[in-house]
C-alpha atoms as a PDB file:
ATOM      1  CA  MET A   1     -51.008 -40.258  18.609  1.00  0.00           C
ATOM      2  CA  LYS A   2     -52.303 -38.316  16.417  1.00  0.00           C
ATOM      3  CA  LYS A   3     -52.658 -34.952  18.724  1.00  0.00           C
ATOM      4  CA  ILE A   4     -49.182 -35.660  20.691  1.00  0.00           C
ATOM      5  CA  LEU A   5     -47.946 -35.629  16.991  1.00  0.00           C
ATOM      6  CA  PHE A   6     -49.583 -32.421  15.598  1.00  0.00           C
ATOM      7  CA  THR A   7     -48.436 -30.911  19.604  1.00  0.00           C
ATOM      8  CA  THR A   8     -44.917 -32.184  18.910  1.00  0.00           C
ATOM      9  CA  LEU A   9     -44.914 -29.996  14.952  1.00  0.00           C
ATOM     10  CA  ALA A  10     -46.631 -27.686  17.165  1.00  0.00           C
ATOM     11  CA  LEU A  11     -43.993 -27.223  19.488  1.00  0.00           C
ATOM     12  CA  LEU A  12     -40.911 -27.608  17.094  1.00  0.00           C
ATOM     13  CA  THR A  13     -42.715 -25.079  14.446  1.00  0.00           C
ATOM     14  CA  ILE A  14     -42.108 -22.619  17.309  1.00  0.00           C
ATOM     15  CA  VAL A  15     -38.531 -22.424  18.753  1.00  0.00           C
ATOM     16  CA  LEU A  16     -37.861 -22.492  15.021  1.00  0.00           C
ATOM     17  CA  THR A  17     -39.104 -19.302  15.204  1.00  0.00           C
ATOM     18  CA  ALA A  18     -37.351 -18.098  18.280  1.00  0.00           C
ATOM     19  CA  THR A  19     -34.065 -19.414  16.381  1.00  0.00           C
ATOM     20  CA  ALA A  20     -34.817 -18.088  13.426  1.00  0.00           C
ATOM     21  CA  GLN A  21     -35.686 -15.148  15.520  1.00  0.00           C
ATOM     22  CA  GLU A  22     -32.953 -14.509  17.280  1.00  0.00           C
ATOM     23  CA  THR A  23     -30.488 -15.813  14.683  1.00  0.00           C
ATOM     24  CA  ARG A  24     -31.842 -12.565  12.813  1.00  0.00           C
ATOM     25  CA  GLU A  25     -31.162 -10.393  15.868  1.00  0.00           C
ATOM     26  CA  LYS A  26     -27.692 -11.417  16.441  1.00  0.00           C
ATOM     27  CA  VAL A  27     -26.851 -10.830  12.947  1.00  0.00           C
ATOM     28  CA  SER A  28     -28.680  -7.191  12.955  1.00  0.00           C
ATOM     29  CA  ARG A  29     -27.115  -6.331  15.395  1.00  0.00           C
ATOM     30  CA  ASN A  30     -23.658  -7.276  14.382  1.00  0.00           C
ATOM     31  CA  ARG A  31     -23.893  -5.989  10.792  1.00  0.00           C
ATOM     32  CA  ILE A  32     -24.370  -2.542  13.244  1.00  0.00           C
ATOM     33  CA  SER A  33     -21.386  -2.837  15.357  1.00  0.00           C
ATOM     34  CA  ALA A  34     -20.090  -3.649  11.953  1.00  0.00           C
ATOM     35  CA  GLN A  35     -21.642   0.599  10.380  1.00  0.00           C
ATOM     36  CA  ILE A  36     -20.537   1.384  13.857  1.00  0.00           C
ATOM     37  CA  SER A  37     -16.521   0.270  12.833  1.00  0.00           C
ATOM     38  CA  PHE A  38     -17.094   1.929   9.550  1.00  0.00           C
ATOM     39  CA  ALA A  39     -18.114   5.319  10.707  1.00  0.00           C
ATOM     40  CA  GLN A  40     -15.334   5.676  13.303  1.00  0.00           C
ATOM     41  CA  LYS A  41     -12.676   4.909  10.556  1.00  0.00           C
ATOM     42  CA  PHE A  42     -13.221   8.637   9.446  1.00  0.00           C
ATOM     43  CA  MET A  43     -11.315  11.486  10.048  1.00  0.00           C
ATOM     44  CA  LEU A  44     -11.823  14.786   9.553  1.00  0.00           C
ATOM     45  CA  ILE A  45      -9.651  16.916   7.574  1.00  0.00           C
ATOM     46  CA  LYS A  46      -9.632  20.424   7.971  1.00  0.00           C
ATOM     47  CA  LEU A  47      -7.903  22.079   4.827  1.00  0.00           C
ATOM     48  CA  ASP A  48      -8.477  25.516   6.621  1.00  0.00           C
ATOM     49  CA  LYS A  49      -9.230  25.736  10.072  1.00  0.00           C
ATOM     50  CA  LYS A  50     -11.744  29.346   9.820  1.00  0.00           C
ATOM     51  CA  ASN A  51     -13.411  27.593   6.490  1.00  0.00           C
ATOM     52  CA  GLU A  52     -15.692  24.063   6.842  1.00  0.00           C
ATOM     53  CA  LYS A  53     -16.918  24.152   3.352  1.00  0.00           C
ATOM     54  CA  THR A  54     -12.439  23.058   2.956  1.00  0.00           C
ATOM     55  CA  TRP A  55     -13.666  20.325   5.063  1.00  0.00           C
ATOM     56  CA  TYR A  56     -13.546  16.804   3.869  1.00  0.00           C
ATOM     57  CA  ALA A  57     -13.107  13.104   5.947  1.00  0.00           C
ATOM     58  CA  VAL A  58     -10.971  10.662   4.959  1.00  0.00           C
ATOM     59  CA  MET A  59     -10.520   6.317   6.138  1.00  0.00           C
ATOM     60  CA  SER A  60      -7.959   6.219   8.298  1.00  0.00           C
ATOM     61  CA  TYR A  61      -7.441   2.724   7.013  1.00  0.00           C
ATOM     62  CA  PRO A  62      -8.346   1.212   3.852  1.00  0.00           C
ATOM     63  CA  VAL A  63     -10.870  -1.031   2.995  1.00  0.00           C
ATOM     64  CA  THR A  64     -11.094  -4.131   4.540  1.00  0.00           C
ATOM     65  CA  TYR A  65     -14.179  -7.145   4.246  1.00  0.00           C
ATOM     66  CA  TYR A  66     -15.554  -5.798   7.228  1.00  0.00           C
ATOM     67  CA  ASN A  67     -16.439  -2.430   5.952  1.00  0.00           C
ATOM     68  CA  TYR A  68     -17.825  -5.068   2.900  1.00  0.00           C
ATOM     69  CA  TYR A  69     -19.526  -6.724   5.777  1.00  0.00           C
ATOM     70  CA  ALA A  70     -20.913  -3.111   7.281  1.00  0.00           C
ATOM     71  CA  VAL A  71     -22.271  -2.239   3.665  1.00  0.00           C
ATOM     72  CA  TYR A  72     -24.114  -5.412   2.474  1.00  0.00           C
ATOM     73  CA  GLY A  73     -24.801  -7.479   5.061  1.00  0.00           C
ATOM     74  CA  LYS A  74     -22.590 -10.802   3.287  1.00  0.00           C
ATOM     75  CA  ASN A  75     -20.001 -11.587   4.871  1.00  0.00           C
ATOM     76  CA  VAL A  76     -17.719 -12.854   1.313  1.00  0.00           C
ATOM     77  CA  LYS A  77     -13.409 -13.201   3.332  1.00  0.00           C
ATOM     78  CA  PRO A  78     -12.219 -15.434   1.774  1.00  0.00           C
ATOM     79  CA  GLN A  79     -10.954 -18.837   3.900  1.00  0.00           C
ATOM     80  CA  GLY A  80      -7.909 -18.033   5.653  1.00  0.00           C
ATOM     81  CA  ARG A  81      -8.091 -14.141   5.092  1.00  0.00           C
ATOM     82  CA  ASP A  82      -9.272 -12.418   9.301  1.00  0.00           C
ATOM     83  CA  ILE A  83     -12.096 -10.045   8.982  1.00  0.00           C
ATOM     84  CA  ASN A  84     -10.030  -6.829   8.918  1.00  0.00           C
ATOM     85  CA  ASP A  85      -7.952  -7.516   5.606  1.00  0.00           C
ATOM     86  CA  VAL A  86      -8.300  -4.744   3.247  1.00  0.00           C
ATOM     87  CA  MET A  87     -10.774  -6.619   0.061  1.00  0.00           C
ATOM     88  CA  MET A  88      -9.042  -5.558  -3.500  1.00  0.00           C
ATOM     89  CA  MET A  89     -11.812  -4.100  -5.358  1.00  0.00           C
ATOM     90  CA  GLY A  90     -11.438  -2.984  -9.083  1.00  0.00           C
ATOM     91  CA  ASP A  91     -11.599   0.721  -9.764  1.00  0.00           C
ATOM     92  CA  LYS A  92     -15.610   0.205 -10.328  1.00  0.00           C
ATOM     93  CA  LYS A  93     -16.310  -2.176  -7.550  1.00  0.00           C
ATOM     94  CA  LYS A  94     -14.810   0.770  -5.804  1.00  0.00           C
ATOM     95  CA  ARG A  95     -17.508   3.614  -6.851  1.00  0.00           C
ATOM     96  CA  ASP A  96     -20.308   1.445  -6.423  1.00  0.00           C
ATOM     97  CA  PHE A  97     -19.011   0.189  -3.434  1.00  0.00           C
ATOM     98  CA  ALA A  98     -18.653   4.614  -2.055  1.00  0.00           C
ATOM     99  CA  ALA A  99     -21.518   4.477  -3.648  1.00  0.00           C
ATOM    100  CA  ASP A 100     -23.768   1.489  -2.448  1.00  0.00           C
ATOM    101  CA  ALA A 101     -22.361   3.187   0.921  1.00  0.00           C
ATOM    102  CA  ALA A 102     -23.720   6.353   0.991  1.00  0.00           C
ATOM    103  CA  LYS A 103     -27.125   4.653   0.493  1.00  0.00           C
ATOM    104  CA  LEU A 104     -27.302   2.626   4.539  1.00  0.00           C
ATOM    105  CA  TYR A 105     -28.667   5.453   4.988  1.00  0.00           C
ATOM    106  CA  SER A 106     -29.889   8.920   3.900  1.00  0.00           C
ATOM    107  CA  GLY A 107     -27.935  12.357   4.163  1.00  0.00           C
ATOM    108  CA  LEU A 108     -24.019  10.675   3.395  1.00  0.00           C
ATOM    109  CA  SER A 109     -22.166  10.646   0.460  1.00  0.00           C
ATOM    110  CA  PHE A 110     -18.729   9.019  -0.036  1.00  0.00           C
ATOM    111  CA  HIS A 111     -15.860   8.867  -2.908  1.00  0.00           C
ATOM    112  CA  VAL A 112     -13.096   7.213  -3.102  1.00  0.00           C
ATOM    113  CA  ALA A 113     -10.756   9.373  -2.084  1.00  0.00           C
ATOM    114  CA  THR A 114      -8.018  10.394  -4.283  1.00  0.00           C
ATOM    115  CA  ALA A 115      -3.908  10.564  -3.264  1.00  0.00           C
ATOM    116  CA  THR A 116      -4.075  14.299  -2.879  1.00  0.00           C
ATOM    117  CA  GLU A 117      -6.711  13.772  -0.425  1.00  0.00           C
ATOM    118  CA  LEU A 118      -4.936  11.013   1.486  1.00  0.00           C
ATOM    119  CA  GLN A 119      -1.556  13.720   1.208  1.00  0.00           C
ATOM    120  CA  ARG A 120      -3.056  16.148   2.006  1.00  0.00           C
ATOM    121  CA  ALA A 121      -4.394  14.299   5.347  1.00  0.00           C
ATOM    122  CA  LEU A 122      -0.198  13.338   5.546  1.00  0.00           C
ATOM    123  CA  GLY A 123       1.128  16.262   5.006  1.00  0.00           C
ATOM    124  CA  ARG A 124      -1.488  17.573   7.982  1.00  0.00           C
ATOM    125  CA  ASN A 125      -0.007  14.948  10.076  1.00  0.00           C
ATOM    126  CA  TYR A 126      -2.944  12.991  10.602  1.00  0.00           C
ATOM    127  CA  ASN A 127      -1.957   9.137  10.581  1.00  0.00           C
ATOM    128  CA  VAL A 128      -3.453   7.252   7.455  1.00  0.00           C
ATOM    129  CA  ALA A 129      -2.230   4.239   7.272  1.00  0.00           C
ATOM    130  CA  SER A 130      -1.816   1.126   5.032  1.00  0.00           C
ATOM    131  CA  GLU A 131      -0.621  -2.902   5.117  1.00  0.00           C
ATOM    132  CA  ASN A 132       2.179  -1.008   4.226  1.00  0.00           C
ATOM    133  CA  GLY A 133       2.899   1.079   6.517  1.00  0.00           C
ATOM    134  CA  PRO A 134       1.834   4.415   5.875  1.00  0.00           C
ATOM    135  CA  TYR A 135      -0.358   5.628   3.232  1.00  0.00           C
ATOM    136  CA  SER A 136       1.903   5.313   0.410  1.00  0.00           C
ATOM    137  CA  HIS A 137       1.166   4.683  -3.862  1.00  0.00           C
ATOM    138  CA  ALA A 138       2.035   0.519  -3.910  1.00  0.00           C
ATOM    139  CA  THR A 139      -1.099  -0.302  -1.297  1.00  0.00           C
ATOM    140  CA  ASN A 140      -3.311  -2.715  -2.859  1.00  0.00           C
ATOM    141  CA  GLY A 141      -5.999  -1.405  -0.519  1.00  0.00           C
ATOM    142  CA  PHE A 142      -8.109   1.681  -0.899  1.00  0.00           C
ATOM    143  CA  TYR A 143      -9.920   4.699   0.837  1.00  0.00           C
ATOM    144  CA  LEU A 144     -12.877   6.293   0.924  1.00  0.00           C
ATOM    145  CA  ALA A 145     -13.669  10.354   1.315  1.00  0.00           C
ATOM    146  CA  CYS A 146     -16.372  12.078   2.731  1.00  0.00           C
ATOM    147  CA  PRO A 147     -17.651  16.384   2.320  1.00  0.00           C
ATOM    148  CA  TYR A 148     -18.452  16.834   6.463  1.00  0.00           C
ATOM    149  CA  SER A 149     -21.770  17.210   5.973  1.00  0.00           C
ATOM    150  CA  THR A 150     -21.215  13.305   5.702  1.00  0.00           C
ATOM    151  CA  TYR A 151     -18.593  13.122   8.425  1.00  0.00           C
ATOM    152  CA  LEU A 152     -21.505  14.973  10.877  1.00  0.00           C
ATOM    153  CA  ARG A 153     -23.817  12.653  10.008  1.00  0.00           C
ATOM    154  CA  MET A 154     -21.677   9.450  10.573  1.00  0.00           C
ATOM    155  CA  LYS A 155     -21.171  10.786  14.317  1.00  0.00           C
ATOM    156  CA  LYS A 156     -24.801  11.348  14.388  1.00  0.00           C
ATOM    157  CA  LEU A 157     -25.487   7.330  13.523  1.00  0.00           C
ATOM    158  CA  ILE A 158     -22.142   6.050  15.715  1.00  0.00           C
ATOM    159  CA  LYS A 159     -24.750   7.262  18.461  1.00  0.00           C
ATOM    160  CA  ALA A 160     -27.738   5.659  17.409  1.00  0.00           C
ATOM    161  CA  TYR A 161     -26.264   3.008  16.777  1.00  0.00           C
ATOM    162  CA  ARG A 162     -24.876   2.699  20.016  1.00  0.00           C
ATOM    163  CA  ASP A 163     -27.694   3.049  22.045  1.00  0.00           C
ATOM    164  CA  GLN A 164     -29.314   0.277  20.104  1.00  0.00           C
ATOM    165  CA  LEU A 165     -26.539  -2.135  20.722  1.00  0.00           C
ATOM    166  CA  SER A 166     -27.132  -1.461  24.026  1.00  0.00           C
ATOM    167  CA  SER A 167     -31.264  -1.955  24.722  1.00  0.00           C
ATOM    168  CA  PRO A 168     -31.847  -5.280  24.663  1.00  0.00           C
ATOM    169  CA  PRO A 169     -33.203  -7.528  21.246  1.00  0.00           C
ATOM    170  CA  ARG A 170     -37.476  -7.324  21.441  1.00  0.00           C
ATOM    171  CA  ARG A 171     -37.999 -10.269  22.589  1.00  0.00           C
ATOM    172  CA  THR A 172     -41.636 -11.774  19.517  1.00  0.00           C
ATOM    173  CA  ASN A 173     -44.390 -14.272  20.297  1.00  0.00           C
ATOM    174  CA  SER A 174     -44.225 -17.053  17.936  1.00  0.00           C
ATOM    175  CA  HIS A 175     -46.680 -14.820  15.405  1.00  0.00           C
ATOM    176  CA  GLY A 176     -42.788 -12.358  15.135  1.00  0.00           C
ATOM    177  CA  ASN A 177     -45.437  -9.561  17.607  1.00  0.00           C
ATOM    178  CA  GLY A 178     -42.497  -7.785  18.858  1.00  0.00           C
ATOM    179  CA  VAL A 179     -43.712  -8.194  23.154  1.00  0.00           C
ATOM    180  CA  GLY A 180     -41.337  -6.223  24.974  1.00  0.00           C
END
């Protein structure tokens, strides 16, 4: 009887470990998808087409709950809200969010977009949108902006993320060691 109980417990442990690993893998892949989405929201603004030093990138839509998930790995969406709804934050939290987004990978630098940066994008007929239609000061959300070097780095990361998502998830044995 003890042998059957021990065998059953051992099998249960193996199943639970494998299930936990599969869940972590799924969460990780979901967050990678969120980070791709976040990086794709940035559009390049060329103030002077010949001078790359004047180039910067700005988000085409305000920060959403999905973007928050991309940066922090936490779903803080309130009940009844959509993951793609614009997220409201105070000024300090906006700056913290920009700083934390920059910490995701080396070579990134973000700041809260200024009204001037957004107006310049609109002035060059870039589609900066908000929950109120085209960007206006009435929007409740906020946008991030970044230098051209960060924009280029994000483009490389998007390709690496997509390659990672297209590869099959790694299987593990009961000890969590990769086997394939």
